[in-house]
Amino acid sequence: MTAAVKRSILRWVHIIFALPILGYVYGPPEEVLQYRDYFRFLYVPVVVATGFWMWKGDAVRRLISQKPTSVSNK
């Protein structure tokens, strides 16, 4: 899987999970209250995680993939 395909998938997941948030914000309050937990625990965390990954994912990958430096005990 190429990097462009991964970015495209991540971008579409971000967009699709962000669309219901617009409905929550602009919907009638008495109707959206029953879906409040979905937004708190599913939609917002996914949007935040995908947004962060698109923004700083490369730096996180580089940080994780670095080999630990060996410390010599003298």
N, C-alpha and C. Protein backbone atom coordinates (compact mmCIF):
# COMPACT_ATOMS: atom_id res chain seq x y z
N MET A 1 0.84 -1.16 0.00
CA MET A 1 0.00 0.00 0.00
C MET A 1 0.90 1.24 0.00
N THR A 2 0.66 2.11 -0.93
CA THR A 2 1.50 3.30 -1.03
C THR A 2 1.10 4.34 0.01
N ALA A 3 1.99 5.29 0.20
CA ALA A 3 1.73 6.35 1.17
C ALA A 3 0.54 7.21 0.75
N ALA A 4 0.37 7.41 -0.55
CA ALA A 4 -0.75 8.21 -1.04
C ALA A 4 -2.09 7.54 -0.74
N VAL A 5 -2.14 6.23 -0.86
CA VAL A 5 -3.37 5.50 -0.56
C VAL A 5 -3.68 5.57 0.93
N LYS A 6 -2.66 5.43 1.76
CA LYS A 6 -2.86 5.53 3.21
C LYS A 6 -3.37 6.91 3.60
N ARG A 7 -2.79 7.95 3.02
CA ARG A 7 -3.25 9.32 3.30
C ARG A 7 -4.69 9.52 2.86
N SER A 8 -5.03 8.99 1.71
CA SER A 8 -6.39 9.12 1.19
C SER A 8 -7.39 8.42 2.10
N ILE A 9 -7.08 7.23 2.55
CA ILE A 9 -7.97 6.50 3.45
C ILE A 9 -8.12 7.25 4.76
N LEU A 10 -7.04 7.71 5.30
CA LEU A 10 -7.07 8.46 6.56
C LEU A 10 -7.89 9.74 6.41
N ARG A 11 -7.72 10.42 5.30
CA ARG A 11 -8.46 11.66 5.05
C ARG A 11 -9.96 11.39 4.96
N TRP A 12 -10.35 10.31 4.27
CA TRP A 12 -11.78 10.00 4.13
C TRP A 12 -12.39 9.54 5.45
N VAL A 13 -11.65 8.81 6.25
CA VAL A 13 -12.15 8.43 7.58
C VAL A 13 -12.37 9.68 8.41
N HIS A 14 -11.44 10.62 8.33
CA HIS A 14 -11.55 11.87 9.07
C HIS A 14 -12.80 12.65 8.63
N ILE A 15 -13.02 12.76 7.34
CA ILE A 15 -14.17 13.49 6.81
C ILE A 15 -15.48 12.81 7.18
N ILE A 16 -15.54 11.50 7.02
CA ILE A 16 -16.79 10.77 7.29
C ILE A 16 -17.16 10.83 8.77
N PHE A 17 -16.20 10.74 9.65
CA PHE A 17 -16.50 10.82 11.08
C PHE A 17 -16.75 12.26 11.54
N ALA A 18 -16.31 13.24 10.77
CA ALA A 18 -16.56 14.64 11.14
C ALA A 18 -17.95 15.11 10.71
N LEU A 19 -18.53 14.50 9.70
CA LEU A 19 -19.85 14.92 9.22
C LEU A 19 -20.94 14.81 10.27
N PRO A 20 -21.04 13.72 11.04
CA PRO A 20 -22.08 13.67 12.08
C PRO A 20 -21.91 14.74 13.16
N ILE A 21 -20.69 15.22 13.36
CA ILE A 21 -20.48 16.27 14.35
C ILE A 21 -21.20 17.54 13.91
N LEU A 22 -21.21 17.82 12.61
CA LEU A 22 -21.96 18.97 12.11
C LEU A 22 -23.44 18.81 12.41
N GLY A 23 -23.96 17.60 12.23
CA GLY A 23 -25.36 17.36 12.56
C GLY A 23 -25.63 17.53 14.04
N TYR A 24 -24.69 17.16 14.87
CA TYR A 24 -24.85 17.32 16.31
C TYR A 24 -24.86 18.80 16.69
N VAL A 25 -24.00 19.57 16.08
CA VAL A 25 -23.91 20.99 16.40
C VAL A 25 -25.13 21.75 15.91
N TYR A 26 -25.58 21.46 14.68
CA TYR A 26 -26.66 22.23 14.08
C TYR A 26 -28.03 21.57 14.20
N GLY A 27 -28.10 20.39 14.78
CA GLY A 27 -29.38 19.70 14.91
C GLY A 27 -30.20 20.23 16.07
N PRO A 28 -31.48 19.87 16.10
CA PRO A 28 -32.33 20.29 17.21
C PRO A 28 -31.86 19.62 18.51
N PRO A 29 -31.71 20.38 19.58
CA PRO A 29 -31.14 19.85 20.82
C PRO A 29 -31.89 18.64 21.38
N GLU A 30 -33.20 18.63 21.29
CA GLU A 30 -33.95 17.51 21.85
C GLU A 30 -33.72 16.20 21.08
N GLU A 31 -33.32 16.30 19.82
CA GLU A 31 -33.07 15.09 19.03
C GLU A 31 -31.63 14.60 19.16
N VAL A 32 -30.68 15.51 19.31
CA VAL A 32 -29.28 15.10 19.33
C VAL A 32 -28.81 14.63 20.70
N LEU A 33 -29.55 14.92 21.75
CA LEU A 33 -29.12 14.51 23.09
C LEU A 33 -29.03 13.00 23.23
N GLN A 34 -29.87 12.26 22.52
CA GLN A 34 -29.82 10.81 22.65
C GLN A 34 -28.57 10.20 22.02
N TYR A 35 -27.89 10.95 21.16
CA TYR A 35 -26.67 10.46 20.51
C TYR A 35 -25.41 11.05 21.13
N ARG A 36 -25.54 11.72 22.25
CA ARG A 36 -24.43 12.43 22.89
C ARG A 36 -23.24 11.52 23.17
N ASP A 37 -23.48 10.32 23.67
CA ASP A 37 -22.36 9.42 24.02
C ASP A 37 -21.60 8.94 22.79
N TYR A 38 -22.29 8.77 21.66
CA TYR A 38 -21.59 8.39 20.43
C TYR A 38 -20.59 9.47 20.04
N PHE A 39 -21.00 10.71 20.21
CA PHE A 39 -20.10 11.80 19.84
C PHE A 39 -18.95 11.92 20.82
N ARG A 40 -19.21 11.74 22.08
CA ARG A 40 -18.15 11.86 23.08
C ARG A 40 -17.11 10.76 22.97
N PHE A 41 -17.56 9.54 22.74
CA PHE A 41 -16.66 8.39 22.84
C PHE A 41 -16.29 7.75 21.50
N LEU A 42 -16.90 8.18 20.40
CA LEU A 42 -16.57 7.58 19.12
C LEU A 42 -16.14 8.63 18.09
N TYR A 43 -17.04 9.53 17.74
CA TYR A 43 -16.77 10.45 16.64
C TYR A 43 -15.65 11.43 16.95
N VAL A 44 -15.73 12.12 18.06
CA VAL A 44 -14.71 13.12 18.37
C VAL A 44 -13.32 12.49 18.56
N PRO A 45 -13.19 11.38 19.31
CA PRO A 45 -11.85 10.79 19.42
C PRO A 45 -11.28 10.32 18.08
N VAL A 46 -12.12 9.77 17.21
CA VAL A 46 -11.62 9.33 15.90
C VAL A 46 -11.17 10.52 15.07
N VAL A 47 -11.95 11.60 15.09
CA VAL A 47 -11.58 12.79 14.32
C VAL A 47 -10.29 13.40 14.88
N VAL A 48 -10.16 13.46 16.18
CA VAL A 48 -8.94 14.01 16.78
C VAL A 48 -7.74 13.12 16.46
N ALA A 49 -7.90 11.81 16.58
CA ALA A 49 -6.79 10.90 16.32
C ALA A 49 -6.35 10.94 14.85
N THR A 50 -7.31 10.92 13.92
CA THR A 50 -6.94 10.97 12.51
C THR A 50 -6.35 12.32 12.14
N GLY A 51 -6.88 13.40 12.72
CA GLY A 51 -6.32 14.72 12.45
C GLY A 51 -4.90 14.84 12.97
N PHE A 52 -4.68 14.33 14.19
CA PHE A 52 -3.33 14.36 14.74
C PHE A 52 -2.39 13.50 13.90
N TRP A 53 -2.86 12.35 13.46
CA TRP A 53 -2.00 11.47 12.66
C TRP A 53 -1.66 12.09 11.32
N MET A 54 -2.63 12.79 10.70
CA MET A 54 -2.33 13.47 9.43
C MET A 54 -1.35 14.62 9.66
N TRP A 55 -1.43 15.26 10.82
CA TRP A 55 -0.59 16.41 11.11
C TRP A 55 0.81 15.99 11.53
N LYS A 56 0.93 15.09 12.50
CA LYS A 56 2.21 14.73 13.09
C LYS A 56 2.55 13.25 12.99
N GLY A 57 1.87 12.52 12.14
CA GLY A 57 2.09 11.08 12.04
C GLY A 57 3.50 10.72 11.62
N ASP A 58 4.06 11.51 10.73
CA ASP A 58 5.41 11.21 10.27
C ASP A 58 6.42 11.35 11.40
N ALA A 59 6.27 12.37 12.21
CA ALA A 59 7.18 12.57 13.33
C ALA A 59 7.02 11.46 14.37
N VAL A 60 5.80 11.02 14.60
CA VAL A 60 5.55 9.92 15.56
C VAL A 60 6.17 8.64 15.04
N ARG A 61 5.99 8.36 13.75
CA ARG A 61 6.59 7.16 13.16
C ARG A 61 8.10 7.18 13.27
N ARG A 62 8.71 8.33 13.01
CA ARG A 62 10.16 8.43 13.13
C ARG A 62 10.62 8.24 14.57
N LEU A 63 9.86 8.78 15.51
CA LEU A 63 10.20 8.65 16.92
C LEU A 63 10.11 7.20 17.38
N ILE A 64 9.07 6.50 16.93
CA ILE A 64 8.88 5.10 17.32
C ILE A 64 9.92 4.20 16.66
N SER A 65 10.27 4.48 15.42
CA SER A 65 11.15 3.58 14.69
C SER A 65 12.62 3.78 15.00
N GLN A 66 12.98 4.79 15.77
CA GLN A 66 14.38 5.00 16.10
C GLN A 66 14.88 3.87 16.99
N LYS A 67 16.06 3.39 16.69
CA LYS A 67 16.67 2.35 17.50
C LYS A 67 17.17 2.99 18.78
N PRO A 68 16.97 2.34 19.90
CA PRO A 68 17.48 2.92 21.14
C PRO A 68 19.01 2.96 21.13
N THR A 69 19.54 4.03 21.63
CA THR A 69 20.99 4.17 21.69
C THR A 69 21.52 3.34 22.84
N SER A 70 22.60 2.66 22.59
CA SER A 70 23.16 1.83 23.64
C SER A 70 24.02 2.70 24.54
N VAL A 71 23.84 2.51 25.81
CA VAL A 71 24.60 3.26 26.80
C VAL A 71 25.62 2.28 27.40
N SER A 72 26.87 2.64 27.27
CA SER A 72 27.91 1.75 27.78
C SER A 72 28.13 2.05 29.26
N ASN A 73 28.19 1.02 30.04
CA ASN A 73 28.48 1.16 31.46
C ASN A 73 29.98 1.06 31.67
N LYS A 74 30.55 2.11 32.17
CA LYS A 74 32.01 2.13 32.35
C LYS A 74 32.36 1.88 33.78
